[in-house]
């Protein structure tokens, strides 16, 4: 007997069938992001951080002292693991199946996200390229500002439905739409 497995995103039931045209404020969910957790061995924080920032195709997000999340939409998991294995003083684990990546963008993105986090999101404080671990909709998440009006949120898969529904509710007054990111 053959067993066929089909990848199903945890938010398929929340999004599929309800897609509408994108409004200026939009919540985009990545279908299959590559996400790795990287830890530096004791005393190697600077070396590992510098090595991570020099690898092409990685978006590096600080999640604590000597700890980073690596996201890529251009490098596959095997290639990412190979690149990380070459970094002396780093340990890593593939988190792709356990994490969900959402991108909130639009002219009101900061106002919508401000309802979900207890962090100052002003441009001068939370600058472009800055990331931090925080509670988003009461769930431990990592938030990064990727552009002027765009934020990416990485959160545990098991809480994705709750966070998605809460963000949609917080964005209702700004006509927030949602959908899966185009491949």
Protein backbone atom coordinates (compact mmCIF):
# COMPACT_ATOMS: atom_id res chain seq x y z
CA UNK A 1 0.00 0.00 0.00
CA UNK A 2 1.43 3.38 -1.03
CA UNK A 3 1.20 6.29 1.34
CA UNK A 4 1.03 9.68 -0.33
CA UNK A 5 1.76 12.66 1.87
CA UNK A 6 0.60 16.11 0.86
CA UNK A 7 2.05 19.23 2.42
CA UNK A 8 -0.72 21.26 3.98
CA UNK A 9 -0.04 24.64 5.53
CA UNK A 10 -1.43 25.19 9.00
CA UNK A 11 -3.30 28.29 7.74
CA UNK A 12 -4.87 26.66 4.66
CA UNK A 13 -8.32 26.61 6.27
CA UNK A 14 -7.98 30.25 7.36
CA UNK A 15 -6.96 31.57 3.95
CA UNK A 16 -7.92 29.20 1.12
CA UNK A 17 -11.20 30.10 -0.49
CA UNK A 18 -11.31 33.50 1.17
CA UNK A 19 -8.68 35.29 -0.90
CA UNK A 20 -9.65 38.63 -2.27
CA UNK A 21 -7.66 41.23 -4.15
CA UNK A 22 -4.85 42.71 -2.11
CA UNK A 23 -5.62 45.94 -0.36
CA UNK A 24 -2.80 48.37 0.45
CA UNK A 25 -2.65 46.77 3.92
CA UNK A 26 -1.99 43.06 3.48
CA UNK A 27 -0.89 40.07 5.56
CA UNK A 28 1.10 37.67 3.41
CA UNK A 29 1.87 34.13 4.63
CA UNK A 30 4.86 32.23 3.22
CA UNK A 31 3.99 28.66 2.23
CA UNK A 32 7.35 26.89 2.71
CA UNK A 33 9.99 29.21 4.19
CA UNK A 34 13.42 27.91 5.17
CA UNK A 35 13.99 28.86 8.81
CA UNK A 36 16.96 27.78 10.93
CA UNK A 37 17.78 28.52 14.55
CA UNK A 38 21.50 29.20 15.08
CA UNK A 39 23.33 29.29 18.40
CA UNK A 40 26.93 30.39 18.94
CA UNK A 41 29.21 28.38 21.17
CA UNK A 42 30.33 30.21 24.30
CA UNK A 43 32.57 33.16 23.46
CA UNK A 44 31.99 32.88 19.69
CA UNK A 45 29.07 35.32 19.33
CA UNK A 46 30.99 37.90 17.29
CA UNK A 47 32.57 35.37 14.93
CA UNK A 48 29.30 33.56 14.26
CA UNK A 49 27.34 36.80 13.81
CA UNK A 50 29.87 38.12 11.30
CA UNK A 51 29.90 34.83 9.40
CA UNK A 52 26.09 34.72 9.21
CA UNK A 53 25.86 38.23 7.81
CA UNK A 54 28.33 37.35 5.05
CA UNK A 55 26.34 34.37 3.69
CA UNK A 56 24.38 35.34 0.58
CA UNK A 57 20.69 34.45 0.53
CA UNK A 58 20.17 34.59 4.30
CA UNK A 59 18.07 37.09 6.19
CA UNK A 60 19.55 37.14 9.70
CA UNK A 61 17.34 37.99 12.68
CA UNK A 62 18.74 38.40 16.16
CA UNK A 63 16.64 36.54 18.69
CA UNK A 64 18.88 36.84 21.76
CA UNK A 65 22.51 36.95 22.85
CA UNK A 66 24.39 34.52 20.63
CA UNK A 67 21.15 33.35 19.02
CA UNK A 68 19.74 34.04 15.56
CA UNK A 69 16.97 32.98 13.23
CA UNK A 70 17.98 32.54 9.61
CA UNK A 71 15.32 32.88 6.91
CA UNK A 72 15.74 32.23 3.21
CA UNK A 73 13.41 32.11 0.27
CA UNK A 74 16.19 31.48 -2.26
CA UNK A 75 18.23 28.72 -0.59
CA UNK A 76 16.81 25.27 0.07
CA UNK A 77 17.12 23.57 3.46
CA UNK A 78 20.00 21.31 2.40
CA UNK A 79 22.05 24.19 1.01
CA UNK A 80 21.28 26.30 4.08
CA UNK A 81 22.40 23.49 6.40
CA UNK A 82 25.59 23.12 4.38
CA UNK A 83 26.35 26.85 4.64
CA UNK A 84 25.68 26.83 8.38
CA UNK A 85 27.81 23.72 8.94
CA UNK A 86 30.76 25.60 7.45
CA UNK A 87 30.56 28.29 10.17
CA UNK A 88 33.01 27.48 12.94
CA UNK A 89 31.51 27.86 16.42
CA UNK A 90 27.86 27.62 15.35
CA UNK A 91 25.23 24.99 16.07
CA UNK A 92 21.96 25.00 14.21
CA UNK A 93 18.58 23.31 13.86
CA UNK A 94 16.05 23.38 11.04
CA UNK A 95 12.88 25.04 12.32
CA UNK A 96 11.07 25.24 8.96
CA UNK A 97 8.30 22.79 9.85
CA UNK A 98 7.73 24.28 13.29
CA UNK A 99 7.56 27.97 12.41
CA UNK A 100 5.30 30.19 10.30
CA UNK A 101 6.45 33.34 8.52
CA UNK A 102 4.01 36.20 7.99
CA UNK A 103 4.69 39.57 6.36
CA UNK A 104 2.49 42.52 7.27
CA UNK A 105 2.79 45.46 4.91
CA UNK A 106 1.04 48.62 3.89
CA UNK A 107 0.66 52.23 4.99
CA UNK A 108 -1.05 51.17 8.24
CA UNK A 109 1.17 48.17 9.01
CA UNK A 110 2.78 49.87 12.00
CA UNK A 111 -0.61 50.84 13.46
CA UNK A 112 -1.93 47.30 13.04
CA UNK A 113 1.16 45.67 14.54
CA UNK A 114 1.20 48.19 17.41
CA UNK A 115 -2.11 46.70 18.57
CA UNK A 116 -0.43 43.30 18.82
CA UNK A 117 2.95 44.07 20.46
CA UNK A 118 4.12 46.10 23.45
CA UNK A 119 7.16 47.53 21.64
CA UNK A 120 7.83 51.01 20.26
CA UNK A 121 7.65 50.59 16.47
CA UNK A 122 8.61 54.18 15.61
CA UNK A 123 11.03 54.42 12.65
CA UNK A 124 13.73 55.96 14.85
CA UNK A 125 13.52 53.18 17.44
CA UNK A 126 12.64 50.06 15.45
CA UNK A 127 14.72 50.81 12.36
CA UNK A 128 14.71 48.97 9.03
CA UNK A 129 16.62 45.69 9.39
CA UNK A 130 16.09 45.55 13.16
CA UNK A 131 14.61 42.41 14.71
CA UNK A 132 13.68 41.39 18.22
CA UNK A 133 11.98 38.57 20.05
CA UNK A 134 8.75 39.71 21.67
CA UNK A 135 5.17 38.75 22.36
CA UNK A 136 2.95 39.27 19.35
CA UNK A 137 -0.73 38.67 20.14
CA UNK A 138 0.52 37.14 23.42
CA UNK A 139 2.64 34.55 21.55
CA UNK A 140 6.45 34.39 21.64
CA UNK A 141 7.53 35.65 18.22
CA UNK A 142 10.38 37.28 16.37
CA UNK A 143 9.51 40.51 14.57
CA UNK A 144 11.70 42.19 11.96
CA UNK A 145 11.17 45.45 10.14
CA UNK A 146 12.15 44.68 6.56
CA UNK A 147 11.10 47.92 4.84
CA UNK A 148 9.56 51.25 5.79
CA UNK A 149 6.03 49.85 5.97
CA UNK A 150 6.71 46.10 6.19
CA UNK A 151 7.27 43.75 9.12
CA UNK A 152 7.93 40.02 9.14
CA UNK A 153 6.79 37.85 12.02
CA UNK A 154 8.09 34.37 12.80
CA UNK A 155 6.02 32.40 15.28
CA UNK A 156 5.39 28.82 16.38
CA UNK A 157 3.22 26.81 14.01
CA UNK A 158 0.87 25.72 16.79
CA UNK A 159 -0.18 29.34 17.47
CA UNK A 160 -0.37 30.50 13.84
CA UNK A 161 -4.18 30.29 13.59
CA UNK A 162 -4.68 32.33 16.76
CA UNK A 163 -2.18 35.02 15.74
CA UNK A 164 -3.57 35.15 12.19
CA UNK A 165 -7.15 35.64 13.40
CA UNK A 166 -6.08 38.24 15.97
CA UNK A 167 -4.07 40.22 13.41
CA UNK A 168 -6.98 40.15 10.97
CA UNK A 169 -9.26 41.49 13.71
CA UNK A 170 -6.76 44.23 14.62
CA UNK A 171 -6.52 45.21 10.95
CA UNK A 172 -10.22 45.25 10.23
CA UNK A 173 -10.52 49.04 10.48
CA UNK A 174 -7.65 49.35 7.96
CA UNK A 175 -9.24 46.90 5.47
CA UNK A 176 -6.46 44.33 6.04
CA UNK A 177 -6.52 41.48 3.53
CA UNK A 178 -4.58 38.21 3.69
CA UNK A 179 -3.28 35.54 1.38
CA UNK A 180 -0.41 33.19 0.69
CA UNK A 181 2.74 34.76 -0.72
CA UNK A 182 3.33 34.22 -4.41
CA UNK A 183 6.07 31.64 -5.02
